[in-house]
């Protein structure tokens, strides 16, 4: 494995298993002694070296891509990777095999849950990687409102208490399906959030997925419903024509 200047900050690991969970979703499990004892909060991500970079900067870090941590325990760290596009991250997810060695930064990020009267989640299929662990970590009596939009039922992951991944009596989770329509600036998802009968008191909102859709939902909550901006956390994973979004 080639050595680079940033290696002193990176942790070595290897691919343990690769599982296809949905047509465009792979669960990649990493293992290794260096992964023991990490501080991780559900919703945080890691930056993973997936390829070499252009020669001028390859000596420093290589090409890094960001992946949300689906689960972590002892020396096992799981990444739920959405397969799309033709970039180096997509290429790595398609070719990763058990035994492959790699380097990654420790978990980081502030897209995590906070105490609130209720929790609102909205996003597309790419948001599931963050929402799964965040929902699992909420208290059993938490009030959860969620509106999720994916292309088809085959891309749904088990996020709700009925599906066995999280428990709580006060859940209102609904799915909608695009059936081939674009996920960019998805008005159907915006309208699903607009149609919620929310309490007068703001809760905490977590918006993840396509950047323009997130902006529209945030504008609705802040401008139309009067929520403080600090009560709306956003995580833009992608948008057409742009690379490098977290």
C-alpha atoms as a PDB file:
ATOM      1  CA  UNK A   1       0.000   0.000   0.000  1.00  0.00           C
ATOM      2  CA  UNK A   2       1.393   3.389  -0.991  1.00  0.00           C
ATOM      3  CA  UNK A   3       2.273   5.734   1.900  1.00  0.00           C
ATOM      4  CA  UNK A   4       1.137   9.367   1.944  1.00  0.00           C
ATOM      5  CA  UNK A   5       1.614  12.315   4.268  1.00  0.00           C
ATOM      6  CA  UNK A   6      -1.914  12.061   5.677  1.00  0.00           C
ATOM      7  CA  UNK A   7      -1.414   8.415   6.687  1.00  0.00           C
ATOM      8  CA  UNK A   8      -0.468   9.446  10.245  1.00  0.00           C
ATOM      9  CA  UNK A   9      -4.085  10.650  10.680  1.00  0.00           C
ATOM     10  CA  UNK A  10      -5.736   7.690   8.955  1.00  0.00           C
ATOM     11  CA  UNK A  11      -6.712   4.326  10.412  1.00  0.00           C
ATOM     12  CA  UNK A  12      -5.941   1.087   8.571  1.00  0.00           C
ATOM     13  CA  UNK A  13      -8.810  -1.354   8.054  1.00  0.00           C
ATOM     14  CA  UNK A  14      -9.852  -4.100   5.695  1.00  0.00           C
ATOM     15  CA  UNK A  15     -13.089  -5.082   4.005  1.00  0.00           C
ATOM     16  CA  UNK A  16     -14.732  -7.993   5.824  1.00  0.00           C
ATOM     17  CA  UNK A  17     -18.003  -8.455   3.933  1.00  0.00           C
ATOM     18  CA  UNK A  18     -19.949  -6.824   1.090  1.00  0.00           C
ATOM     19  CA  UNK A  19     -23.719  -7.356   1.018  1.00  0.00           C
ATOM     20  CA  UNK A  20     -26.276  -6.035  -1.459  1.00  0.00           C
ATOM     21  CA  UNK A  21     -29.233  -4.733   0.551  1.00  0.00           C
ATOM     22  CA  UNK A  22     -31.161  -3.141  -2.312  1.00  0.00           C
ATOM     23  CA  UNK A  23     -30.630  -2.633  -6.062  1.00  0.00           C
ATOM     24  CA  UNK A  24     -28.374   0.397  -5.418  1.00  0.00           C
ATOM     25  CA  UNK A  25     -27.384  -0.083  -1.777  1.00  0.00           C
ATOM     26  CA  UNK A  26     -24.461  -2.099  -0.451  1.00  0.00           C
ATOM     27  CA  UNK A  27     -23.567  -2.745   3.179  1.00  0.00           C
ATOM     28  CA  UNK A  28     -19.771  -2.847   3.444  1.00  0.00           C
ATOM     29  CA  UNK A  29     -18.342  -4.029   6.771  1.00  0.00           C
ATOM     30  CA  UNK A  30     -14.817  -2.961   7.734  1.00  0.00           C
ATOM     31  CA  UNK A  31     -12.731  -4.555  10.462  1.00  0.00           C
ATOM     32  CA  UNK A  32      -9.346  -4.126  12.092  1.00  0.00           C
ATOM     33  CA  UNK A  33      -7.665  -3.510  15.462  1.00  0.00           C
ATOM     34  CA  UNK A  34      -7.293   0.218  14.700  1.00  0.00           C
ATOM     35  CA  UNK A  35     -11.097   0.543  14.707  1.00  0.00           C
ATOM     36  CA  UNK A  36     -11.398  -0.400  18.380  1.00  0.00           C
ATOM     37  CA  UNK A  37     -12.489   2.288  20.827  1.00  0.00           C
ATOM     38  CA  UNK A  38     -13.718   4.888  18.344  1.00  0.00           C
ATOM     39  CA  UNK A  39     -16.077   7.650  19.458  1.00  0.00           C
ATOM     40  CA  UNK A  40     -19.154   7.510  17.201  1.00  0.00           C
ATOM     41  CA  UNK A  41     -22.574   9.138  17.358  1.00  0.00           C
ATOM     42  CA  UNK A  42     -25.367   7.821  15.104  1.00  0.00           C
ATOM     43  CA  UNK A  43     -25.565  10.027  12.012  1.00  0.00           C
ATOM     44  CA  UNK A  44     -21.822  10.703  11.828  1.00  0.00           C
ATOM     45  CA  UNK A  45     -19.661   9.791   8.840  1.00  0.00           C
ATOM     46  CA  UNK A  46     -16.141   8.683   7.991  1.00  0.00           C
ATOM     47  CA  UNK A  47     -13.887   9.784   5.149  1.00  0.00           C
ATOM     48  CA  UNK A  48     -12.416   6.866   3.272  1.00  0.00           C
ATOM     49  CA  UNK A  49      -9.543   6.793   0.811  1.00  0.00           C
ATOM     50  CA  UNK A  50     -10.969   5.134  -2.276  1.00  0.00           C
ATOM     51  CA  UNK A  51      -8.371   5.872  -4.957  1.00  0.00           C
ATOM     52  CA  UNK A  52      -5.303   7.820  -5.932  1.00  0.00           C
ATOM     53  CA  UNK A  53      -5.636  11.558  -6.589  1.00  0.00           C
ATOM     54  CA  UNK A  54      -4.104  13.695  -9.363  1.00  0.00           C
ATOM     55  CA  UNK A  55      -0.316  13.530  -9.117  1.00  0.00           C
ATOM     56  CA  UNK A  56       0.082  17.041  -7.672  1.00  0.00           C
ATOM     57  CA  UNK A  57      -1.795  16.166  -4.472  1.00  0.00           C
ATOM     58  CA  UNK A  58      -1.674  12.373  -4.378  1.00  0.00           C
ATOM     59  CA  UNK A  59       1.384  12.458  -2.119  1.00  0.00           C
ATOM     60  CA  UNK A  60      -0.711  14.222   0.522  1.00  0.00           C
ATOM     61  CA  UNK A  61      -3.970  12.327   0.849  1.00  0.00           C
ATOM     62  CA  UNK A  62      -5.235  10.487  -2.212  1.00  0.00           C
ATOM     63  CA  UNK A  63      -8.928  10.629  -3.109  1.00  0.00           C
ATOM     64  CA  UNK A  64     -11.261  10.673  -0.092  1.00  0.00           C
ATOM     65  CA  UNK A  65     -14.995  10.043  -0.119  1.00  0.00           C
ATOM     66  CA  UNK A  66     -17.530  10.428   2.686  1.00  0.00           C
ATOM     67  CA  UNK A  67     -19.784   7.609   3.893  1.00  0.00           C
ATOM     68  CA  UNK A  68     -22.270   7.590   6.756  1.00  0.00           C
ATOM     69  CA  UNK A  69     -21.686   4.927   9.391  1.00  0.00           C
ATOM     70  CA  UNK A  70     -24.618   2.496   9.507  1.00  0.00           C
ATOM     71  CA  UNK A  71     -23.397   0.742  12.653  1.00  0.00           C
ATOM     72  CA  UNK A  72     -20.283   0.375  14.790  1.00  0.00           C
ATOM     73  CA  UNK A  73     -19.301  -2.144  17.460  1.00  0.00           C
ATOM     74  CA  UNK A  74     -15.836  -2.854  18.808  1.00  0.00           C
ATOM     75  CA  UNK A  75     -13.672  -3.512  15.720  1.00  0.00           C
ATOM     76  CA  UNK A  76     -16.495  -3.633  13.149  1.00  0.00           C
ATOM     77  CA  UNK A  77     -17.662  -0.527  11.296  1.00  0.00           C
ATOM     78  CA  UNK A  78     -20.457  -0.759   8.731  1.00  0.00           C
ATOM     79  CA  UNK A  79     -20.999   1.629   5.825  1.00  0.00           C
ATOM     80  CA  UNK A  80     -24.217   1.743   3.815  1.00  0.00           C
ATOM     81  CA  UNK A  81     -23.115   2.864   0.356  1.00  0.00           C
ATOM     82  CA  UNK A  82     -25.461   4.205  -2.322  1.00  0.00           C
ATOM     83  CA  UNK A  83     -24.247   3.170  -5.783  1.00  0.00           C
ATOM     84  CA  UNK A  84     -24.697   5.964  -8.318  1.00  0.00           C
ATOM     85  CA  UNK A  85     -22.638   7.771 -10.917  1.00  0.00           C
ATOM     86  CA  UNK A  86     -19.209   6.977 -12.294  1.00  0.00           C
ATOM     87  CA  UNK A  87     -16.897   8.669  -9.794  1.00  0.00           C
ATOM     88  CA  UNK A  88     -14.154   7.054  -7.705  1.00  0.00           C
ATOM     89  CA  UNK A  89     -16.485   6.463  -4.754  1.00  0.00           C
ATOM     90  CA  UNK A  90     -18.989   4.565  -6.869  1.00  0.00           C
ATOM     91  CA  UNK A  91     -16.144   2.641  -8.479  1.00  0.00           C
ATOM     92  CA  UNK A  92     -14.808   1.604  -5.079  1.00  0.00           C
ATOM     93  CA  UNK A  93     -18.212   0.424  -3.837  1.00  0.00           C
ATOM     94  CA  UNK A  94     -18.690  -1.749  -6.920  1.00  0.00           C
ATOM     95  CA  UNK A  95     -15.280  -3.381  -6.760  1.00  0.00           C
ATOM     96  CA  UNK A  96     -14.737  -3.708  -2.983  1.00  0.00           C
ATOM     97  CA  UNK A  97     -14.044  -7.302  -1.979  1.00  0.00           C
ATOM     98  CA  UNK A  98     -13.361  -9.050   1.349  1.00  0.00           C
ATOM     99  CA  UNK A  99      -9.706  -8.720   2.252  1.00  0.00           C
ATOM    100  CA  UNK A 100      -9.172  -5.345   0.546  1.00  0.00           C
ATOM    101  CA  UNK A 101      -7.063  -2.976   2.650  1.00  0.00           C
ATOM    102  CA  UNK A 102      -7.917   0.698   3.029  1.00  0.00           C
ATOM    103  CA  UNK A 103      -7.450   3.807   5.171  1.00  0.00           C
ATOM    104  CA  UNK A 104     -10.055   6.067   6.785  1.00  0.00           C
ATOM    105  CA  UNK A 105     -10.447   9.017   9.140  1.00  0.00           C
ATOM    106  CA  UNK A 106     -12.228   8.691  12.483  1.00  0.00           C
ATOM    107  CA  UNK A 107     -16.010   9.323  12.646  1.00  0.00           C
ATOM    108  CA  UNK A 108     -16.966  12.985  12.567  1.00  0.00           C
ATOM    109  CA  UNK A 109     -19.884  15.335  11.884  1.00  0.00           C
ATOM    110  CA  UNK A 110     -22.742  17.066  13.725  1.00  0.00           C
ATOM    111  CA  UNK A 111     -25.688  15.560  11.817  1.00  0.00           C
ATOM    112  CA  UNK A 112     -26.895  13.804  14.968  1.00  0.00           C
ATOM    113  CA  UNK A 113     -30.068  13.874  17.030  1.00  0.00           C
ATOM    114  CA  UNK A 114     -30.642  16.376  19.850  1.00  0.00           C
ATOM    115  CA  UNK A 115     -33.226  16.359  22.670  1.00  0.00           C
ATOM    116  CA  UNK A 116     -36.515  17.738  21.360  1.00  0.00           C
ATOM    117  CA  UNK A 117     -40.270  17.574  21.845  1.00  0.00           C
ATOM    118  CA  UNK A 118     -40.424  15.615  18.581  1.00  0.00           C
ATOM    119  CA  UNK A 119     -38.168  14.654  15.673  1.00  0.00           C
ATOM    120  CA  UNK A 120     -38.934  15.246  11.986  1.00  0.00           C
ATOM    121  CA  UNK A 121     -37.060  13.311   9.293  1.00  0.00           C
ATOM    122  CA  UNK A 122     -37.376  13.906   5.536  1.00  0.00           C
ATOM    123  CA  UNK A 123     -35.231  12.674   2.669  1.00  0.00           C
ATOM    124  CA  UNK A 124     -34.651  10.299  -0.222  1.00  0.00           C
ATOM    125  CA  UNK A 125     -33.047   6.851  -0.431  1.00  0.00           C
ATOM    126  CA  UNK A 126     -29.563   8.253   0.209  1.00  0.00           C
ATOM    127  CA  UNK A 127     -30.756   9.588   3.583  1.00  0.00           C
ATOM    128  CA  UNK A 128     -31.496   6.096   4.892  1.00  0.00           C
ATOM    129  CA  UNK A 129     -27.833   5.491   5.760  1.00  0.00           C
ATOM    130  CA  UNK A 130     -28.016   8.270   8.362  1.00  0.00           C
ATOM    131  CA  UNK A 131     -31.627   7.862   9.449  1.00  0.00           C
ATOM    132  CA  UNK A 132     -31.363   4.166  10.321  1.00  0.00           C
ATOM    133  CA  UNK A 133     -28.808   4.591  13.127  1.00  0.00           C
ATOM    134  CA  UNK A 134     -30.298   7.918  14.256  1.00  0.00           C
ATOM    135  CA  UNK A 135     -33.740   6.362  14.678  1.00  0.00           C
ATOM    136  CA  UNK A 136     -32.356   3.316  16.455  1.00  0.00           C
ATOM    137  CA  UNK A 137     -30.645   5.590  18.987  1.00  0.00           C
ATOM    138  CA  UNK A 138     -33.730   7.629  19.932  1.00  0.00           C
ATOM    139  CA  UNK A 139     -35.445   6.886  23.245  1.00  0.00           C
ATOM    140  CA  UNK A 140     -38.296   4.394  23.076  1.00  0.00           C
ATOM    141  CA  UNK A 141     -40.849   7.086  23.934  1.00  0.00           C
ATOM    142  CA  UNK A 142     -39.611   9.635  21.355  1.00  0.00           C
ATOM    143  CA  UNK A 143     -42.153  11.165  18.985  1.00  0.00           C
ATOM    144  CA  UNK A 144     -41.031  10.684  15.372  1.00  0.00           C
ATOM    145  CA  UNK A 145     -42.509  12.095  12.173  1.00  0.00           C
ATOM    146  CA  UNK A 146     -40.872  10.914   8.951  1.00  0.00           C
ATOM    147  CA  UNK A 147     -41.583  11.411   5.265  1.00  0.00           C
ATOM    148  CA  UNK A 148     -39.290   9.425   2.966  1.00  0.00           C
ATOM    149  CA  UNK A 149     -39.301   9.150  -0.803  1.00  0.00           C
ATOM    150  CA  UNK A 150     -37.512   6.422  -2.757  1.00  0.00           C
ATOM    151  CA  UNK A 151     -37.768   5.290  -6.350  1.00  0.00           C
ATOM    152  CA  UNK A 152     -39.504   1.983  -5.618  1.00  0.00           C
ATOM    153  CA  UNK A 153     -40.373  -0.265  -2.657  1.00  0.00           C
ATOM    154  CA  UNK A 154     -37.276  -2.369  -3.400  1.00  0.00           C
ATOM    155  CA  UNK A 155     -35.089   0.525  -2.181  1.00  0.00           C
ATOM    156  CA  UNK A 156     -36.721   0.803   1.234  1.00  0.00           C
ATOM    157  CA  UNK A 157     -34.679  -0.190   4.260  1.00  0.00           C
ATOM    158  CA  UNK A 158     -36.127  -1.322   7.618  1.00  0.00           C
ATOM    159  CA  UNK A 159     -36.288   1.992   9.460  1.00  0.00           C
ATOM    160  CA  UNK A 160     -39.648   1.847  11.211  1.00  0.00           C
ATOM    161  CA  UNK A 161     -40.672   0.019  14.352  1.00  0.00           C
ATOM    162  CA  UNK A 162     -43.101  -2.084  12.325  1.00  0.00           C
ATOM    163  CA  UNK A 163     -40.185  -3.272  10.215  1.00  0.00           C
ATOM    164  CA  UNK A 164     -38.190  -4.248  13.277  1.00  0.00           C
ATOM    165  CA  UNK A 165     -35.272  -1.802  13.171  1.00  0.00           C
ATOM    166  CA  UNK A 166     -36.415   0.684  15.805  1.00  0.00           C
ATOM    167  CA  UNK A 167     -39.051   0.790  18.519  1.00  0.00           C
ATOM    168  CA  UNK A 168     -41.349   3.485  19.798  1.00  0.00           C
ATOM    169  CA  UNK A 169     -45.095   3.975  20.220  1.00  0.00           C
ATOM    170  CA  UNK A 170     -45.222   7.521  18.817  1.00  0.00           C
ATOM    171  CA  UNK A 171     -44.108   7.044  15.215  1.00  0.00           C
ATOM    172  CA  UNK A 172     -45.651   8.456  12.063  1.00  0.00           C
ATOM    173  CA  UNK A 173     -43.571   7.231   9.118  1.00  0.00           C
ATOM    174  CA  UNK A 174     -44.792   7.302   5.512  1.00  0.00           C
ATOM    175  CA  UNK A 175     -43.081   6.350   2.251  1.00  0.00           C
ATOM    176  CA  UNK A 176     -43.727   7.628  -1.258  1.00  0.00           C
ATOM    177  CA  UNK A 177     -42.367   6.355  -4.580  1.00  0.00           C
ATOM    178  CA  UNK A 178     -41.087   8.337  -7.559  1.00  0.00           C
ATOM    179  CA  UNK A 179     -41.393   5.473 -10.087  1.00  0.00           C
ATOM    180  CA  UNK A 180     -38.663   6.886 -12.330  1.00  0.00           C
ATOM    181  CA  UNK A 181     -39.239  10.590 -11.699  1.00  0.00           C
ATOM    182  CA  UNK A 182     -36.222  12.723 -10.830  1.00  0.00           C
ATOM    183  CA  UNK A 183     -35.287  13.023  -7.141  1.00  0.00           C
ATOM    184  CA  UNK A 184     -33.897  16.539  -7.691  1.00  0.00           C
ATOM    185  CA  UNK A 185     -36.040  19.362  -6.267  1.00  0.00           C
ATOM    186  CA  UNK A 186     -38.677  16.748  -5.409  1.00  0.00           C
ATOM    187  CA  UNK A 187     -41.894  18.705  -4.918  1.00  0.00           C
ATOM    188  CA  UNK A 188     -43.763  15.580  -3.836  1.00  0.00           C
ATOM    189  CA  UNK A 189     -41.503  15.259  -0.801  1.00  0.00           C
ATOM    190  CA  UNK A 190     -41.852  18.964  -0.019  1.00  0.00           C
ATOM    191  CA  UNK A 191     -45.636  18.639  -0.169  1.00  0.00           C
ATOM    192  CA  UNK A 192     -45.535  15.575   2.081  1.00  0.00           C
ATOM    193  CA  UNK A 193     -43.787  17.653   4.757  1.00  0.00           C
ATOM    194  CA  UNK A 194     -46.076  20.623   4.140  1.00  0.00           C
ATOM    195  CA  UNK A 195     -49.053  18.353   4.743  1.00  0.00           C
ATOM    196  CA  UNK A 196     -47.920  17.360   8.231  1.00  0.00           C
ATOM    197  CA  UNK A 197     -50.040  18.623  11.130  1.00  0.00           C
ATOM    198  CA  UNK A 198     -47.128  19.736  13.291  1.00  0.00           C
ATOM    199  CA  UNK A 199     -47.402  21.055  16.850  1.00  0.00           C
ATOM    200  CA  UNK A 200     -47.069  24.803  17.319  1.00  0.00           C
ATOM    201  CA  UNK A 201     -43.799  24.262  19.160  1.00  0.00           C
ATOM    202  CA  UNK A 202     -40.895  23.503  16.796  1.00  0.00           C
ATOM    203  CA  UNK A 203     -39.156  20.172  17.173  1.00  0.00           C
ATOM    204  CA  UNK A 204     -35.865  19.152  15.576  1.00  0.00           C
ATOM    205  CA  UNK A 205     -35.760  18.458  11.837  1.00  0.00           C
ATOM    206  CA  UNK A 206     -33.187  16.311  10.058  1.00  0.00           C
ATOM    207  CA  UNK A 207     -33.130  16.742   6.280  1.00  0.00           C
ATOM    208  CA  UNK A 208     -30.829  14.616   4.115  1.00  0.00           C
ATOM    209  CA  UNK A 209     -30.515  13.631   0.475  1.00  0.00           C
ATOM    210  CA  UNK A 210     -30.622  15.767  -2.675  1.00  0.00           C
ATOM    211  CA  UNK A 211     -29.438  19.330  -2.003  1.00  0.00           C
ATOM    212  CA  UNK A 212     -32.206  21.277  -3.766  1.00  0.00           C
ATOM    213  CA  UNK A 213     -34.957  19.217  -2.153  1.00  0.00           C
ATOM    214  CA  UNK A 214     -33.386  19.806   1.254  1.00  0.00           C
ATOM    215  CA  UNK A 215     -33.289  23.553   0.618  1.00  0.00           C
ATOM    216  CA  UNK A 216     -36.966  23.611  -0.337  1.00  0.00           C
ATOM    217  CA  UNK A 217     -38.008  21.730   2.810  1.00  0.00           C
ATOM    218  CA  UNK A 218     -35.798  23.885   5.014  1.00  0.00           C
ATOM    219  CA  UNK A 219     -37.310  27.034   3.496  1.00  0.00           C
ATOM    220  CA  UNK A 220     -40.787  25.679   4.193  1.00  0.00           C
ATOM    221  CA  UNK A 221     -40.003  24.995   7.847  1.00  0.00           C
ATOM    222  CA  UNK A 222     -38.154  28.266   8.485  1.00  0.00           C
ATOM    223  CA  UNK A 223     -40.085  30.709   6.300  1.00  0.00           C
ATOM    224  CA  UNK A 224     -43.587  29.241   6.308  1.00  0.00           C
ATOM    225  CA  UNK A 225     -43.743  27.611   9.732  1.00  0.00           C
ATOM    226  CA  UNK A 226     -41.393  29.988  11.548  1.00  0.00           C
ATOM    227  CA  UNK A 227     -38.947  27.387  12.851  1.00  0.00           C
ATOM    228  CA  UNK A 228     -35.591  28.718  14.101  1.00  0.00           C
ATOM    229  CA  UNK A 229     -32.791  27.788  11.706  1.00  0.00           C
ATOM    230  CA  UNK A 230     -30.931  26.068  14.533  1.00  0.00           C
ATOM    231  CA  UNK A 231     -33.794  23.544  14.728  1.00  0.00           C
ATOM    232  CA  UNK A 232     -33.202  22.339  11.156  1.00  0.00           C
ATOM    233  CA  UNK A 233     -30.132  20.196  10.476  1.00  0.00           C
ATOM    234  CA  UNK A 234     -29.283  19.465   6.854  1.00  0.00           C
ATOM    235  CA  UNK A 235     -27.049  16.912   5.146  1.00  0.00           C
ATOM    236  CA  UNK A 236     -26.863  17.320   1.329  1.00  0.00           C
ATOM    237  CA  UNK A 237     -25.526  14.054  -0.066  1.00  0.00           C
ATOM    238  CA  UNK A 238     -25.832  14.853  -3.773  1.00  0.00           C
ATOM    239  CA  UNK A 239     -27.262  17.068  -6.479  1.00  0.00           C
ATOM    240  CA  UNK A 240     -27.140  16.734 -10.293  1.00  0.00           C
ATOM    241  CA  UNK A 241     -23.927  17.999 -11.871  1.00  0.00           C
ATOM    242  CA  UNK A 242     -21.929  18.461  -8.666  1.00  0.00           C
ATOM    243  CA  UNK A 243     -19.349  16.256  -6.974  1.00  0.00           C
ATOM    244  CA  UNK A 244     -17.894  16.196  -3.497  1.00  0.00           C
ATOM    245  CA  UNK A 245     -21.049  16.795  -1.442  1.00  0.00           C
ATOM    246  CA  UNK A 246     -21.050  15.096   1.966  1.00  0.00           C
END
